[in-house]
């Protein structure tokens, strides 16, 4: 399993927000639906490593 480390800005690939962002590319938007509202994320950069 992918190692999450919040101090390094890394989240596990199985985290809901990570799964939401999979297959997205720069310029895309992703909407995370929460109990009380939605959060919109705009992809501005992608880094691997």
C-alpha atoms as a PDB file:
ATOM      1  CA  UNK A   1       0.000   0.000   0.000  1.00  0.00           C
ATOM      2  CA  UNK A   2       1.096   3.543  -0.726  1.00  0.00           C
ATOM      3  CA  UNK A   3       2.486   5.274   2.331  1.00  0.00           C
ATOM      4  CA  UNK A   4       0.745   8.441   3.442  1.00  0.00           C
ATOM      5  CA  UNK A   5       2.782  11.146   5.166  1.00  0.00           C
ATOM      6  CA  UNK A   6       0.949  14.399   5.790  1.00  0.00           C
ATOM      7  CA  UNK A   7       4.174  16.120   6.876  1.00  0.00           C
ATOM      8  CA  UNK A   8       5.472  15.557   3.332  1.00  0.00           C
ATOM      9  CA  UNK A   9       2.173  16.478   1.686  1.00  0.00           C
ATOM     10  CA  UNK A  10       1.458  12.880   0.647  1.00  0.00           C
ATOM     11  CA  UNK A  11      -1.860  11.096   0.924  1.00  0.00           C
ATOM     12  CA  UNK A  12      -2.650   7.423   0.429  1.00  0.00           C
ATOM     13  CA  UNK A  13      -3.991   6.501  -3.006  1.00  0.00           C
ATOM     14  CA  UNK A  14      -6.997   4.899  -1.305  1.00  0.00           C
ATOM     15  CA  UNK A  15      -8.021   8.162   0.414  1.00  0.00           C
ATOM     16  CA  UNK A  16     -11.323   9.569  -0.913  1.00  0.00           C
ATOM     17  CA  UNK A  17      -9.717  12.792  -2.137  1.00  0.00           C
ATOM     18  CA  UNK A  18      -6.928  10.852  -3.873  1.00  0.00           C
ATOM     19  CA  UNK A  19      -9.430   8.604  -5.640  1.00  0.00           C
ATOM     20  CA  UNK A  20     -11.368  11.691  -6.712  1.00  0.00           C
ATOM     21  CA  UNK A  21      -8.258  13.171  -8.329  1.00  0.00           C
ATOM     22  CA  UNK A  22      -7.181  10.041 -10.197  1.00  0.00           C
ATOM     23  CA  UNK A  23      -7.402  10.362 -13.993  1.00  0.00           C
ATOM     24  CA  UNK A  24      -7.596  14.167 -13.727  1.00  0.00           C
ATOM     25  CA  UNK A  25      -5.254  16.412 -15.665  1.00  0.00           C
ATOM     26  CA  UNK A  26      -4.063  20.001 -15.323  1.00  0.00           C
ATOM     27  CA  UNK A  27      -6.978  22.353 -15.867  1.00  0.00           C
ATOM     28  CA  UNK A  28      -9.620  19.870 -14.687  1.00  0.00           C
ATOM     29  CA  UNK A  29     -11.876  20.427 -11.703  1.00  0.00           C
ATOM     30  CA  UNK A  30     -12.959  17.800  -9.196  1.00  0.00           C
ATOM     31  CA  UNK A  31     -15.873  18.119  -6.773  1.00  0.00           C
ATOM     32  CA  UNK A  32     -15.671  16.393  -3.404  1.00  0.00           C
ATOM     33  CA  UNK A  33     -19.182  15.940  -2.038  1.00  0.00           C
ATOM     34  CA  UNK A  34     -19.343  16.327   1.721  1.00  0.00           C
ATOM     35  CA  UNK A  35     -22.254  15.952   4.125  1.00  0.00           C
ATOM     36  CA  UNK A  36     -22.983  19.686   4.327  1.00  0.00           C
ATOM     37  CA  UNK A  37     -21.365  21.135   1.216  1.00  0.00           C
ATOM     38  CA  UNK A  38     -19.061  20.476  -1.696  1.00  0.00           C
ATOM     39  CA  UNK A  39     -15.377  21.295  -2.157  1.00  0.00           C
ATOM     40  CA  UNK A  40     -14.126  22.157  -5.621  1.00  0.00           C
ATOM     41  CA  UNK A  41     -10.498  21.437  -6.488  1.00  0.00           C
ATOM     42  CA  UNK A  42      -8.877  22.849  -9.620  1.00  0.00           C
ATOM     43  CA  UNK A  43      -5.842  20.915 -10.832  1.00  0.00           C
ATOM     44  CA  UNK A  44      -3.031  23.428 -11.374  1.00  0.00           C
ATOM     45  CA  UNK A  45      -0.028  21.088 -11.375  1.00  0.00           C
ATOM     46  CA  UNK A  46       0.837  17.420 -11.127  1.00  0.00           C
ATOM     47  CA  UNK A  47       4.041  16.136  -9.559  1.00  0.00           C
ATOM     48  CA  UNK A  48       5.217  12.557  -9.226  1.00  0.00           C
ATOM     49  CA  UNK A  49       7.739  11.289  -6.773  1.00  0.00           C
END
